[in-house]
């Protein structure tokens, strides 16, 4: 029984050493960039006047950027900003910890127009 226990302990030690060496010798790659898509909504105060919409848009954008900074993401790209009746101003940003390349910042192409819509 003692021999069996010693063999098991040696096997565990060898396995641990192998894992440690494998992790230390494994090829390393560039660290992946952290990225987050952040959406914020700000209600439009009073009525939907131009000044009210601008104030809501600024509030939503500031909150989105603060959220990105809180996550340690310093590079921000504005994806969209729109007024949604009954909801408020919706702001979408893409935040990352490194500058976005053209390939990363490209968005999906616009969906095809309905069949009855004129083509440009």
PDB file of N, CA and C in Angstrom:
ATOM      1  N   UNK A   1       0.816  -1.185   0.000  1.00  0.00           N
ATOM      2  CA  UNK A   1       0.000   0.000   0.000  1.00  0.00           C
ATOM      3  C   UNK A   1       0.859   1.248   0.000  1.00  0.00           C
ATOM      4  N   UNK A   2       1.980   1.238   0.749  1.00  0.00           N
ATOM      5  CA  UNK A   2       2.863   2.399   0.810  1.00  0.00           C
ATOM      6  C   UNK A   2       3.498   2.651  -0.548  1.00  0.00           C
ATOM      7  N   UNK A   3       3.832   1.575  -1.244  1.00  0.00           N
ATOM      8  CA  UNK A   3       4.426   1.726  -2.574  1.00  0.00           C
ATOM      9  C   UNK A   3       3.430   2.378  -3.529  1.00  0.00           C
ATOM     10  N   UNK A   4       2.189   1.987  -3.446  1.00  0.00           N
ATOM     11  CA  UNK A   4       1.146   2.554  -4.297  1.00  0.00           C
ATOM     12  C   UNK A   4       0.992   4.054  -4.038  1.00  0.00           C
ATOM     13  N   UNK A   5       1.031   4.487  -2.802  1.00  0.00           N
ATOM     14  CA  UNK A   5       0.885   5.896  -2.442  1.00  0.00           C
ATOM     15  C   UNK A   5       2.067   6.708  -2.946  1.00  0.00           C
ATOM     16  N   UNK A   6       3.272   6.161  -2.821  1.00  0.00           N
ATOM     17  CA  UNK A   6       4.457   6.878  -3.291  1.00  0.00           C
ATOM     18  C   UNK A   6       4.420   7.027  -4.811  1.00  0.00           C
ATOM     19  N   UNK A   7       3.975   6.016  -5.518  1.00  0.00           N
ATOM     20  CA  UNK A   7       3.890   6.088  -6.971  1.00  0.00           C
ATOM     21  C   UNK A   7       2.868   7.132  -7.390  1.00  0.00           C
ATOM     22  N   UNK A   8       1.754   7.179  -6.695  1.00  0.00           N
ATOM     23  CA  UNK A   8       0.723   8.153  -7.006  1.00  0.00           C
ATOM     24  C   UNK A   8       1.246   9.577  -6.767  1.00  0.00           C
ATOM     25  N   UNK A   9       1.965   9.794  -5.685  1.00  0.00           N
ATOM     26  CA  UNK A   9       2.513  11.116  -5.378  1.00  0.00           C
ATOM     27  C   UNK A   9       3.539  11.530  -6.422  1.00  0.00           C
ATOM     28  N   UNK A  10       4.387  10.586  -6.862  1.00  0.00           N
ATOM     29  CA  UNK A  10       5.386  10.909  -7.887  1.00  0.00           C
ATOM     30  C   UNK A  10       4.688  11.235  -9.208  1.00  0.00           C
ATOM     31  N   UNK A  11       3.637  10.508  -9.503  1.00  0.00           N
ATOM     32  CA  UNK A  11       2.907  10.748 -10.745  1.00  0.00           C
ATOM     33  C   UNK A  11       2.276  12.144 -10.724  1.00  0.00           C
ATOM     34  N   UNK A  12       1.695  12.516  -9.592  1.00  0.00           N
ATOM     35  CA  UNK A  12       1.102  13.852  -9.472  1.00  0.00           C
ATOM     36  C   UNK A  12       2.170  14.930  -9.608  1.00  0.00           C
ATOM     37  N   UNK A  13       3.319  14.706  -8.981  1.00  0.00           N
ATOM     38  CA  UNK A  13       4.403  15.683  -9.061  1.00  0.00           C
ATOM     39  C   UNK A  13       4.909  15.835 -10.488  1.00  0.00           C
ATOM     40  N   UNK A  14       5.061  14.734 -11.191  1.00  0.00           N
ATOM     41  CA  UNK A  14       5.525  14.775 -12.575  1.00  0.00           C
ATOM     42  C   UNK A  14       4.495  15.472 -13.465  1.00  0.00           C
ATOM     43  N   UNK A  15       3.221  15.207 -13.205  1.00  0.00           N
ATOM     44  CA  UNK A  15       2.171  15.847 -14.000  1.00  0.00           C
ATOM     45  C   UNK A  15       2.170  17.355 -13.744  1.00  0.00           C
ATOM     46  N   UNK A  16       2.309  17.750 -12.491  1.00  0.00           N
ATOM     47  CA  UNK A  16       2.344  19.178 -12.158  1.00  0.00           C
ATOM     48  C   UNK A  16       3.537  19.865 -12.797  1.00  0.00           C
ATOM     49  N   UNK A  17       4.703  19.210 -12.753  1.00  0.00           N
ATOM     50  CA  UNK A  17       5.902  19.771 -13.367  1.00  0.00           C
ATOM     51  C   UNK A  17       5.727  19.886 -14.879  1.00  0.00           C
ATOM     52  N   UNK A  18       5.119  18.888 -15.490  1.00  0.00           N
ATOM     53  CA  UNK A  18       4.872  18.933 -16.925  1.00  0.00           C
ATOM     54  C   UNK A  18       3.940  20.075 -17.303  1.00  0.00           C
ATOM     55  N   UNK A  19       2.896  20.274 -16.532  1.00  0.00           N
ATOM     56  CA  UNK A  19       1.977  21.384 -16.803  1.00  0.00           C
ATOM     57  C   UNK A  19       2.669  22.728 -16.637  1.00  0.00           C
ATOM     58  N   UNK A  20       3.497  22.837 -15.602  1.00  0.00           N
ATOM     59  CA  UNK A  20       4.207  24.080 -15.363  1.00  0.00           C
ATOM     60  C   UNK A  20       5.179  24.386 -16.499  1.00  0.00           C
ATOM     61  N   UNK A  21       5.945  23.390 -16.918  1.00  0.00           N
ATOM     62  CA  UNK A  21       6.881  23.595 -18.024  1.00  0.00           C
ATOM     63  C   UNK A  21       6.145  23.868 -19.330  1.00  0.00           C
ATOM     64  N   UNK A  22       5.033  23.174 -19.543  1.00  0.00           N
ATOM     65  CA  UNK A  22       4.258  23.399 -20.758  1.00  0.00           C
ATOM     66  C   UNK A  22       3.720  24.822 -20.826  1.00  0.00           C
ATOM     67  N   UNK A  23       3.272  25.326 -19.703  1.00  0.00           N
ATOM     68  CA  UNK A  23       2.752  26.697 -19.675  1.00  0.00           C
ATOM     69  C   UNK A  23       3.875  27.708 -19.872  1.00  0.00           C
ATOM     70  N   UNK A  24       5.048  27.425 -19.320  1.00  0.00           N
ATOM     71  CA  UNK A  24       6.166  28.357 -19.429  1.00  0.00           C
ATOM     72  C   UNK A  24       6.769  28.351 -20.832  1.00  0.00           C
ATOM     73  N   UNK A  25       6.747  27.223 -21.496  1.00  0.00           N
ATOM     74  CA  UNK A  25       7.382  27.103 -22.806  1.00  0.00           C
ATOM     75  C   UNK A  25       6.411  27.284 -23.965  1.00  0.00           C
ATOM     76  N   UNK A  26       5.141  27.409 -23.684  1.00  0.00           N
ATOM     77  CA  UNK A  26       4.149  27.545 -24.755  1.00  0.00           C
ATOM     78  C   UNK A  26       4.399  28.830 -25.527  1.00  0.00           C
ATOM     79  N   UNK A  27       4.200  28.784 -26.831  1.00  0.00           N
ATOM     80  CA  UNK A  27       4.390  30.008 -27.609  1.00  0.00           C
ATOM     81  C   UNK A  27       3.382  31.057 -27.175  1.00  0.00           C
ATOM     82  N   UNK A  28       3.857  32.261 -27.076  1.00  0.00           N
ATOM     83  CA  UNK A  28       2.965  33.342 -26.664  1.00  0.00           C
ATOM     84  C   UNK A  28       2.536  34.132 -27.884  1.00  0.00           C
ATOM     85  N   UNK A  29       1.327  34.649 -27.834  1.00  0.00           N
ATOM     86  CA  UNK A  29       0.830  35.486 -28.916  1.00  0.00           C
ATOM     87  C   UNK A  29       0.517  36.859 -28.340  1.00  0.00           C
ATOM     88  N   UNK A  30       0.304  37.786 -29.222  1.00  0.00           N
ATOM     89  CA  UNK A  30      -0.035  39.128 -28.769  1.00  0.00           C
ATOM     90  C   UNK A  30      -1.327  39.069 -27.968  1.00  0.00           C
ATOM     91  N   UNK A  31      -1.390  39.845 -26.931  1.00  0.00           N
ATOM     92  CA  UNK A  31      -2.575  39.863 -26.086  1.00  0.00           C
ATOM     93  C   UNK A  31      -3.768  40.397 -26.882  1.00  0.00           C
ATOM     94  N   UNK A  32      -4.885  39.758 -26.693  1.00  0.00           N
ATOM     95  CA  UNK A  32      -6.092  40.198 -27.384  1.00  0.00           C
ATOM     96  C   UNK A  32      -6.571  41.508 -26.766  1.00  0.00           C
ATOM     97  N   UNK A  33      -7.048  42.371 -27.606  1.00  0.00           N
ATOM     98  CA  UNK A  33      -7.540  43.655 -27.130  1.00  0.00           C
ATOM     99  C   UNK A  33      -8.892  43.462 -26.465  1.00  0.00           C
ATOM    100  N   UNK A  34      -9.094  44.183 -25.387  1.00  0.00           N
ATOM    101  CA  UNK A  34     -10.401  44.165 -24.732  1.00  0.00           C
ATOM    102  C   UNK A  34     -11.325  45.105 -25.499  1.00  0.00           C
ATOM    103  N   UNK A  35     -12.582  44.705 -25.645  1.00  0.00           N
ATOM    104  CA  UNK A  35     -13.516  45.495 -26.432  1.00  0.00           C
ATOM    105  C   UNK A  35     -14.906  45.359 -25.824  1.00  0.00           C
ATOM    106  N   UNK A  36     -15.680  46.439 -25.874  1.00  0.00           N
ATOM    107  CA  UNK A  36     -17.050  46.398 -25.370  1.00  0.00           C
ATOM    108  C   UNK A  36     -17.940  47.302 -26.215  1.00  0.00           C
ATOM    109  N   UNK A  37     -19.131  46.825 -26.490  1.00  0.00           N
ATOM    110  CA  UNK A  37     -20.157  47.654 -27.128  1.00  0.00           C
ATOM    111  C   UNK A  37     -21.051  48.159 -26.006  1.00  0.00           C
ATOM    112  N   UNK A  38     -21.178  49.468 -25.888  1.00  0.00           N
ATOM    113  CA  UNK A  38     -21.924  50.070 -24.795  1.00  0.00           C
ATOM    114  C   UNK A  38     -23.082  50.871 -25.373  1.00  0.00           C
ATOM    115  N   UNK A  39     -24.276  50.643 -24.836  1.00  0.00           N
ATOM    116  CA  UNK A  39     -25.468  51.368 -25.245  1.00  0.00           C
ATOM    117  C   UNK A  39     -26.058  52.058 -24.025  1.00  0.00           C
ATOM    118  N   UNK A  40     -26.327  53.352 -24.141  1.00  0.00           N
ATOM    119  CA  UNK A  40     -26.969  54.088 -23.055  1.00  0.00           C
ATOM    120  C   UNK A  40     -28.182  54.830 -23.608  1.00  0.00           C
ATOM    121  N   UNK A  41     -29.132  55.053 -22.729  1.00  0.00           N
ATOM    122  CA  UNK A  41     -30.357  55.769 -23.085  1.00  0.00           C
ATOM    123  C   UNK A  41     -30.545  56.903 -22.097  1.00  0.00           C
ATOM    124  N   UNK A  42     -30.875  58.077 -22.603  1.00  0.00           N
ATOM    125  CA  UNK A  42     -31.183  59.226 -21.752  1.00  0.00           C
ATOM    126  C   UNK A  42     -32.542  59.770 -22.156  1.00  0.00           C
ATOM    127  N   UNK A  43     -33.439  59.935 -21.196  1.00  0.00           N
ATOM    128  CA  UNK A  43     -34.754  60.481 -21.533  1.00  0.00           C
ATOM    129  C   UNK A  43     -34.644  61.949 -21.912  1.00  0.00           C
ATOM    130  N   UNK A  44     -35.539  62.384 -22.783  1.00  0.00           N
ATOM    131  CA  UNK A  44     -35.581  63.786 -23.187  1.00  0.00           C
ATOM    132  C   UNK A  44     -36.463  64.513 -22.176  1.00  0.00           C
ATOM    133  N   UNK A  45     -35.890  65.520 -21.513  1.00  0.00           N
ATOM    134  CA  UNK A  45     -36.643  66.286 -20.526  1.00  0.00           C
ATOM    135  C   UNK A  45     -37.648  67.191 -21.224  1.00  0.00           C
ATOM    136  N   UNK A  46     -38.708  67.512 -20.532  1.00  0.00           N
ATOM    137  CA  UNK A  46     -39.772  68.389 -21.031  1.00  0.00           C
ATOM    138  C   UNK A  46     -40.339  67.839 -22.333  1.00  0.00           C
ATOM    139  N   UNK A  47     -40.317  68.633 -23.367  1.00  0.00           N
ATOM    140  CA  UNK A  47     -40.799  68.154 -24.659  1.00  0.00           C
ATOM    141  C   UNK A  47     -39.596  67.942 -25.571  1.00  0.00           C
ATOM    142  N   UNK A  48     -39.836  67.420 -26.722  1.00  0.00           N
ATOM    143  CA  UNK A  48     -38.738  67.053 -27.621  1.00  0.00           C
ATOM    144  C   UNK A  48     -38.237  68.263 -28.406  1.00  0.00           C
ATOM    145  N   UNK A  49     -37.819  69.300 -27.712  1.00  0.00           N
ATOM    146  CA  UNK A  49     -37.228  70.446 -28.394  1.00  0.00           C
ATOM    147  C   UNK A  49     -35.804  70.107 -28.783  1.00  0.00           C
ATOM    148  N   UNK A  50     -35.243  70.900 -29.658  1.00  0.00           N
ATOM    149  CA  UNK A  50     -33.874  70.652 -30.107  1.00  0.00           C
ATOM    150  C   UNK A  50     -32.893  70.698 -28.935  1.00  0.00           C
ATOM    151  N   UNK A  51     -33.065  71.673 -28.038  1.00  0.00           N
ATOM    152  CA  UNK A  51     -32.175  71.780 -26.889  1.00  0.00           C
ATOM    153  C   UNK A  51     -32.327  70.592 -25.940  1.00  0.00           C
ATOM    154  N   UNK A  52     -33.573  70.120 -25.762  1.00  0.00           N
ATOM    155  CA  UNK A  52     -33.810  68.958 -24.902  1.00  0.00           C
ATOM    156  C   UNK A  52     -33.176  67.702 -25.459  1.00  0.00           C
ATOM    157  N   UNK A  53     -33.247  67.526 -26.784  1.00  0.00           N
ATOM    158  CA  UNK A  53     -32.645  66.355 -27.432  1.00  0.00           C
ATOM    159  C   UNK A  53     -31.125  66.432 -27.344  1.00  0.00           C
ATOM    160  N   UNK A  54     -30.559  67.631 -27.557  1.00  0.00           N
ATOM    161  CA  UNK A  54     -29.101  67.787 -27.462  1.00  0.00           C
ATOM    162  C   UNK A  54     -28.609  67.489 -26.050  1.00  0.00           C
ATOM    163  N   UNK A  55     -29.328  67.962 -25.039  1.00  0.00           N
ATOM    164  CA  UNK A  55     -28.936  67.710 -23.649  1.00  0.00           C
ATOM    165  C   UNK A  55     -29.003  66.217 -23.330  1.00  0.00           C
ATOM    166  N   UNK A  56     -30.037  65.526 -23.810  1.00  0.00           N
ATOM    167  CA  UNK A  56     -30.166  64.084 -23.581  1.00  0.00           C
ATOM    168  C   UNK A  56     -29.054  63.325 -24.295  1.00  0.00           C
ATOM    169  N   UNK A  57     -28.726  63.752 -25.523  1.00  0.00           N
ATOM    170  CA  UNK A  57     -27.658  63.095 -26.282  1.00  0.00           C
ATOM    171  C   UNK A  57     -26.319  63.260 -25.564  1.00  0.00           C
ATOM    172  N   UNK A  58     -26.055  64.459 -25.068  1.00  0.00           N
ATOM    173  CA  UNK A  58     -24.804  64.695 -24.344  1.00  0.00           C
ATOM    174  C   UNK A  58     -24.744  63.856 -23.079  1.00  0.00           C
ATOM    175  N   UNK A  59     -25.843  63.781 -22.354  1.00  0.00           N
ATOM    176  CA  UNK A  59     -25.892  62.985 -21.127  1.00  0.00           C
ATOM    177  C   UNK A  59     -25.635  61.506 -21.413  1.00  0.00           C
ATOM    178  N   UNK A  60     -26.278  60.969 -22.447  1.00  0.00           N
ATOM    179  CA  UNK A  60     -26.103  59.558 -22.794  1.00  0.00           C
ATOM    180  C   UNK A  60     -24.669  59.276 -23.238  1.00  0.00           C
ATOM    181  N   UNK A  61     -24.100  60.190 -24.027  1.00  0.00           N
ATOM    182  CA  UNK A  61     -22.731  59.999 -24.507  1.00  0.00           C
ATOM    183  C   UNK A  61     -21.731  60.053 -23.354  1.00  0.00           C
ATOM    184  N   UNK A  62     -21.905  61.004 -22.453  1.00  0.00           N
ATOM    185  CA  UNK A  62     -20.997  61.120 -21.301  1.00  0.00           C
ATOM    186  C   UNK A  62     -21.062  59.857 -20.440  1.00  0.00           C
ATOM    187  N   UNK A  63     -22.268  59.342 -20.206  1.00  0.00           N
ATOM    188  CA  UNK A  63     -22.388  58.121 -19.400  1.00  0.00           C
ATOM    189  C   UNK A  63     -21.755  56.917 -20.094  1.00  0.00           C
ATOM    190  N   UNK A  64     -21.896  56.824 -21.406  1.00  0.00           N
ATOM    191  CA  UNK A  64     -21.293  55.706 -22.140  1.00  0.00           C
ATOM    192  C   UNK A  64     -19.766  55.763 -22.060  1.00  0.00           C
ATOM    193  N   UNK A  65     -19.208  56.955 -22.238  1.00  0.00           N
ATOM    194  CA  UNK A  65     -17.744  57.110 -22.188  1.00  0.00           C
ATOM    195  C   UNK A  65     -17.227  56.840 -20.773  1.00  0.00           C
ATOM    196  N   UNK A  66     -17.954  57.306 -19.762  1.00  0.00           N
ATOM    197  CA  UNK A  66     -17.545  57.017 -18.376  1.00  0.00           C
ATOM    198  C   UNK A  66     -17.553  55.522 -18.103  1.00  0.00           C
ATOM    199  N   UNK A  67     -18.541  54.835 -18.626  1.00  0.00           N
ATOM    200  CA  UNK A  67     -18.601  53.383 -18.462  1.00  0.00           C
ATOM    201  C   UNK A  67     -17.408  52.701 -19.106  1.00  0.00           C
ATOM    202  N   UNK A  68     -17.026  53.164 -20.291  1.00  0.00           N
ATOM    203  CA  UNK A  68     -15.862  52.595 -20.977  1.00  0.00           C
ATOM    204  C   UNK A  68     -14.600  52.854 -20.166  1.00  0.00           C
ATOM    205  N   UNK A  69     -14.447  54.070 -19.661  1.00  0.00           N
ATOM    206  CA  UNK A  69     -13.262  54.402 -18.867  1.00  0.00           C
ATOM    207  C   UNK A  69     -13.227  53.595 -17.579  1.00  0.00           C
ATOM    208  N   UNK A  70     -14.379  53.333 -16.984  1.00  0.00           N
ATOM    209  CA  UNK A  70     -14.426  52.533 -15.766  1.00  0.00           C
ATOM    210  C   UNK A  70     -13.953  51.102 -16.016  1.00  0.00           C
ATOM    211  N   UNK A  71     -14.116  50.633 -17.248  1.00  0.00           N
ATOM    212  CA  UNK A  71     -13.645  49.297 -17.611  1.00  0.00           C
ATOM    213  C   UNK A  71     -12.201  49.312 -18.087  1.00  0.00           C
ATOM    214  N   UNK A  72     -11.571  50.479 -18.093  1.00  0.00           N
ATOM    215  CA  UNK A  72     -10.188  50.581 -18.546  1.00  0.00           C
ATOM    216  C   UNK A  72     -10.055  50.655 -20.056  1.00  0.00           C
ATOM    217  N   UNK A  73     -11.111  51.025 -20.746  1.00  0.00           N
ATOM    218  CA  UNK A  73     -11.106  51.115 -22.203  1.00  0.00           C
ATOM    219  C   UNK A  73     -11.045  52.589 -22.589  1.00  0.00           C
ATOM    220  N   UNK A  74      -9.906  53.018 -23.135  1.00  0.00           N
ATOM    221  CA  UNK A  74      -9.679  54.437 -23.397  1.00  0.00           C
ATOM    222  C   UNK A  74     -10.026  54.880 -24.815  1.00  0.00           C
ATOM    223  N   UNK A  75     -10.038  53.996 -25.773  1.00  0.00           N
ATOM    224  CA  UNK A  75     -10.362  54.345 -27.156  1.00  0.00           C
ATOM    225  C   UNK A  75     -11.850  54.130 -27.379  1.00  0.00           C
ATOM    226  N   UNK A  76     -12.549  55.147 -27.866  1.00  0.00           N
ATOM    227  CA  UNK A  76     -13.993  55.074 -28.041  1.00  0.00           C
ATOM    228  C   UNK A  76     -14.354  55.508 -29.454  1.00  0.00           C
ATOM    229  N   UNK A  77     -15.281  54.772 -30.076  1.00  0.00           N
ATOM    230  CA  UNK A  77     -15.792  55.130 -31.394  1.00  0.00           C
ATOM    231  C   UNK A  77     -17.312  55.184 -31.306  1.00  0.00           C
ATOM    232  N   UNK A  78     -17.894  56.288 -31.747  1.00  0.00           N
ATOM    233  CA  UNK A  78     -19.343  56.441 -31.751  1.00  0.00           C
ATOM    234  C   UNK A  78     -19.921  55.625 -32.904  1.00  0.00           C
ATOM    235  N   UNK A  79     -20.770  54.659 -32.567  1.00  0.00           N
ATOM    236  CA  UNK A  79     -21.407  53.837 -33.602  1.00  0.00           C
ATOM    237  C   UNK A  79     -22.697  54.462 -34.084  1.00  0.00           C
ATOM    238  N   UNK A  80     -23.546  54.908 -33.149  1.00  0.00           N
ATOM    239  CA  UNK A  80     -24.805  55.526 -33.561  1.00  0.00           C
ATOM    240  C   UNK A  80     -25.365  56.357 -32.425  1.00  0.00           C
ATOM    241  N   UNK A  81     -26.171  57.315 -32.815  1.00  0.00           N
ATOM    242  CA  UNK A  81     -26.923  58.135 -31.875  1.00  0.00           C
ATOM    243  C   UNK A  81     -28.248  58.429 -32.543  1.00  0.00           C
ATOM    244  N   UNK A  82     -29.339  58.129 -31.841  1.00  0.00           N
ATOM    245  CA  UNK A  82     -30.650  58.310 -32.459  1.00  0.00           C
ATOM    246  C   UNK A  82     -31.699  58.658 -31.401  1.00  0.00           C
ATOM    247  N   UNK A  83     -32.721  59.314 -31.859  1.00  0.00           N
ATOM    248  CA  UNK A  83     -33.848  59.681 -31.013  1.00  0.00           C
ATOM    249  C   UNK A  83     -34.927  58.633 -31.201  1.00  0.00           C
ATOM    250  N   UNK A  84     -35.347  57.997 -30.116  1.00  0.00           N
ATOM    251  CA  UNK A  84     -36.405  56.996 -30.170  1.00  0.00           C
ATOM    252  C   UNK A  84     -37.622  57.570 -29.443  1.00  0.00           C
ATOM    253  N   UNK A  85     -38.682  57.897 -30.178  1.00  0.00           N
ATOM    254  CA  UNK A  85     -39.862  58.486 -29.543  1.00  0.00           C
ATOM    255  C   UNK A  85     -40.390  57.592 -28.417  1.00  0.00           C
ATOM    256  N   UNK A  86     -40.700  58.219 -27.297  1.00  0.00           N
ATOM    257  CA  UNK A  86     -41.215  57.483 -26.149  1.00  0.00           C
ATOM    258  C   UNK A  86     -40.132  56.865 -25.285  1.00  0.00           C
ATOM    259  N   UNK A  87     -38.903  56.858 -25.749  1.00  0.00           N
ATOM    260  CA  UNK A  87     -37.792  56.272 -24.996  1.00  0.00           C
ATOM    261  C   UNK A  87     -36.764  57.328 -24.640  1.00  0.00           C
ATOM    262  N   UNK A  88     -36.275  58.048 -25.621  1.00  0.00           N
ATOM    263  CA  UNK A  88     -35.256  59.060 -25.412  1.00  0.00           C
ATOM    264  C   UNK A  88     -34.174  58.947 -26.465  1.00  0.00           C
ATOM    265  N   UNK A  89     -33.006  59.437 -26.128  1.00  0.00           N
ATOM    266  CA  UNK A  89     -31.872  59.391 -27.043  1.00  0.00           C
ATOM    267  C   UNK A  89     -31.046  58.146 -26.716  1.00  0.00           C
ATOM    268  N   UNK A  90     -30.766  57.351 -27.733  1.00  0.00           N
ATOM    269  CA  UNK A  90     -29.993  56.123 -27.582  1.00  0.00           C
ATOM    270  C   UNK A  90     -28.621  56.341 -28.216  1.00  0.00           C
ATOM    271  N   UNK A  91     -27.565  56.086 -27.445  1.00  0.00           N
ATOM    272  CA  UNK A  91     -26.188  56.238 -27.918  1.00  0.00           C
ATOM    273  C   UNK A  91     -25.509  54.879 -27.858  1.00  0.00           C
ATOM    274  N   UNK A  92     -24.839  54.505 -28.935  1.00  0.00           N
ATOM    275  CA  UNK A  92     -24.071  53.258 -28.981  1.00  0.00           C
ATOM    276  C   UNK A  92     -22.622  53.599 -29.291  1.00  0.00           C
ATOM    277  N   UNK A  93     -21.705  53.080 -28.474  1.00  0.00           N
ATOM    278  CA  UNK A  93     -20.283  53.274 -28.724  1.00  0.00           C
ATOM    279  C   UNK A  93     -19.587  51.921 -28.725  1.00  0.00           C
ATOM    280  N   UNK A  94     -18.424  51.885 -29.344  1.00  0.00           N
ATOM    281  CA  UNK A  94     -17.546  50.729 -29.310  1.00  0.00           C
ATOM    282  C   UNK A  94     -16.281  51.182 -28.611  1.00  0.00           C
ATOM    283  N   UNK A  95     -15.954  50.565 -27.499  1.00  0.00           N
ATOM    284  CA  UNK A  95     -14.792  50.964 -26.704  1.00  0.00           C
ATOM    285  C   UNK A  95     -13.778  49.835 -26.702  1.00  0.00           C
ATOM    286  N   UNK A  96     -12.495  50.201 -26.735  1.00  0.00           N
ATOM    287  CA  UNK A  96     -11.422  49.217 -26.722  1.00  0.00           C
ATOM    288  C   UNK A  96     -10.223  49.788 -25.975  1.00  0.00           C
ATOM    289  N   UNK A  97      -9.304  48.918 -25.607  1.00  0.00           N
ATOM    290  CA  UNK A  97      -8.110  49.384 -24.897  1.00  0.00           C
ATOM    291  C   UNK A  97      -6.972  49.740 -25.843  1.00  0.00           C
ATOM    292  N   UNK A  98      -7.193  49.581 -27.136  1.00  0.00           N
ATOM    293  CA  UNK A  98      -6.190  49.974 -28.125  1.00  0.00           C
ATOM    294  C   UNK A  98      -6.919  50.610 -29.299  1.00  0.00           C
ATOM    295  N   UNK A  99      -6.186  51.350 -30.104  1.00  0.00           N
ATOM    296  CA  UNK A  99      -6.811  52.036 -31.238  1.00  0.00           C
ATOM    297  C   UNK A  99      -7.387  51.022 -32.213  1.00  0.00           C
ATOM    298  N   UNK A 100      -8.591  51.277 -32.685  1.00  0.00           N
ATOM    299  CA  UNK A 100      -9.257  50.378 -33.617  1.00  0.00           C
ATOM    300  C   UNK A 100      -8.654  50.490 -35.006  1.00  0.00           C
ATOM    301  N   UNK A 101      -8.490  49.346 -35.663  1.00  0.00           N
ATOM    302  CA  UNK A 101      -8.062  49.372 -37.052  1.00  0.00           C
ATOM    303  C   UNK A 101      -9.299  49.539 -37.928  1.00  0.00           C
ATOM    304  N   UNK A 102      -9.088  49.782 -39.205  1.00  0.00           N
ATOM    305  CA  UNK A 102     -10.228  49.931 -40.110  1.00  0.00           C
ATOM    306  C   UNK A 102     -11.066  48.661 -40.159  1.00  0.00           C
ATOM    307  N   UNK A 103     -10.416  47.503 -40.134  1.00  0.00           N
ATOM    308  CA  UNK A 103     -11.149  46.244 -40.193  1.00  0.00           C
ATOM    309  C   UNK A 103     -12.004  46.052 -38.949  1.00  0.00           C
ATOM    310  N   UNK A 104     -11.462  46.383 -37.778  1.00  0.00           N
ATOM    311  CA  UNK A 104     -12.199  46.199 -36.530  1.00  0.00           C
ATOM    312  C   UNK A 104     -13.348  47.183 -36.397  1.00  0.00           C
ATOM    313  N   UNK A 105     -13.162  48.395 -36.925  1.00  0.00           N
ATOM    314  CA  UNK A 105     -14.182  49.409 -36.747  1.00  0.00           C
ATOM    315  C   UNK A 105     -15.269  49.361 -37.813  1.00  0.00           C
ATOM    316  N   UNK A 106     -15.070  48.550 -38.832  1.00  0.00           N
ATOM    317  CA  UNK A 106     -16.082  48.450 -39.890  1.00  0.00           C
ATOM    318  C   UNK A 106     -17.346  47.827 -39.318  1.00  0.00           C
ATOM    319  N   UNK A 107     -18.474  48.381 -39.698  1.00  0.00           N
ATOM    320  CA  UNK A 107     -19.746  47.840 -39.229  1.00  0.00           C
ATOM    321  C   UNK A 107     -20.381  47.040 -40.346  1.00  0.00           C
ATOM    322  N   UNK A 108     -21.418  46.314 -39.981  1.00  0.00           N
ATOM    323  CA  UNK A 108     -22.129  45.529 -40.980  1.00  0.00           C
ATOM    324  C   UNK A 108     -22.688  46.459 -42.038  1.00  0.00           C
ATOM    325  N   UNK A 109     -22.725  46.033 -43.285  1.00  0.00           N
ATOM    326  CA  UNK A 109     -23.338  46.873 -44.317  1.00  0.00           C
ATOM    327  C   UNK A 109     -24.819  47.056 -44.016  1.00  0.00           C
ATOM    328  N   UNK A 110     -25.353  48.150 -44.513  1.00  0.00           N
ATOM    329  CA  UNK A 110     -26.771  48.442 -44.296  1.00  0.00           C
ATOM    330  C   UNK A 110     -27.613  47.334 -44.913  1.00  0.00           C
ATOM    331  N   UNK A 111     -28.734  47.001 -44.272  1.00  0.00           N
ATOM    332  CA  UNK A 111     -29.590  45.961 -44.849  1.00  0.00           C
ATOM    333  C   UNK A 111     -30.155  46.425 -46.179  1.00  0.00           C
ATOM    334  N   UNK A 112     -30.442  45.505 -47.066  1.00  0.00           N
ATOM    335  CA  UNK A 112     -30.977  45.885 -48.380  1.00  0.00           C
ATOM    336  C   UNK A 112     -32.314  46.607 -48.222  1.00  0.00           C
ATOM    337  N   UNK A 113     -32.548  47.547 -49.118  1.00  0.00           N
ATOM    338  CA  UNK A 113     -33.789  48.326 -49.100  1.00  0.00           C
ATOM    339  C   UNK A 113     -34.954  47.420 -49.466  1.00  0.00           C
ATOM    340  N   UNK A 114     -36.143  47.724 -48.977  1.00  0.00           N
ATOM    341  CA  UNK A 114     -37.318  46.944 -49.376  1.00  0.00           C
ATOM    342  C   UNK A 114     -37.482  46.967 -50.888  1.00  0.00           C
ATOM    343  N   UNK A 115     -38.124  45.956 -51.416  1.00  0.00           N
ATOM    344  CA  UNK A 115     -38.219  45.812 -52.876  1.00  0.00           C
ATOM    345  C   UNK A 115     -38.927  46.991 -53.546  1.00  0.00           C
ATOM    346  N   UNK A 116     -39.833  47.678 -52.856  1.00  0.00           N
ATOM    347  CA  UNK A 116     -40.552  48.775 -53.466  1.00  0.00           C
ATOM    348  C   UNK A 116     -39.812  50.106 -53.360  1.00  0.00           C
ATOM    349  N   UNK A 117     -38.717  50.150 -52.617  1.00  0.00           N
ATOM    350  CA  UNK A 117     -37.990  51.406 -52.407  1.00  0.00           C
ATOM    351  C   UNK A 117     -37.115  51.724 -53.608  1.00  0.00           C
ATOM    352  N   UNK A 118     -36.965  53.005 -53.912  1.00  0.00           N
ATOM    353  CA  UNK A 118     -36.099  53.372 -55.042  1.00  0.00           C
ATOM    354  C   UNK A 118     -34.635  53.073 -54.723  1.00  0.00           C
ATOM    355  N   UNK A 119     -33.883  52.693 -55.724  1.00  0.00           N
ATOM    356  CA  UNK A 119     -32.468  52.388 -55.558  1.00  0.00           C
ATOM    357  C   UNK A 119     -31.658  53.626 -55.917  1.00  0.00           C
ATOM    358  N   UNK A 120     -30.608  53.845 -55.170  1.00  0.00           N
ATOM    359  CA  UNK A 120     -29.732  54.993 -55.449  1.00  0.00           C
ATOM    360  C   UNK A 120     -28.423  54.492 -55.993  1.00  0.00           C
TER     361      UNK A 120
END
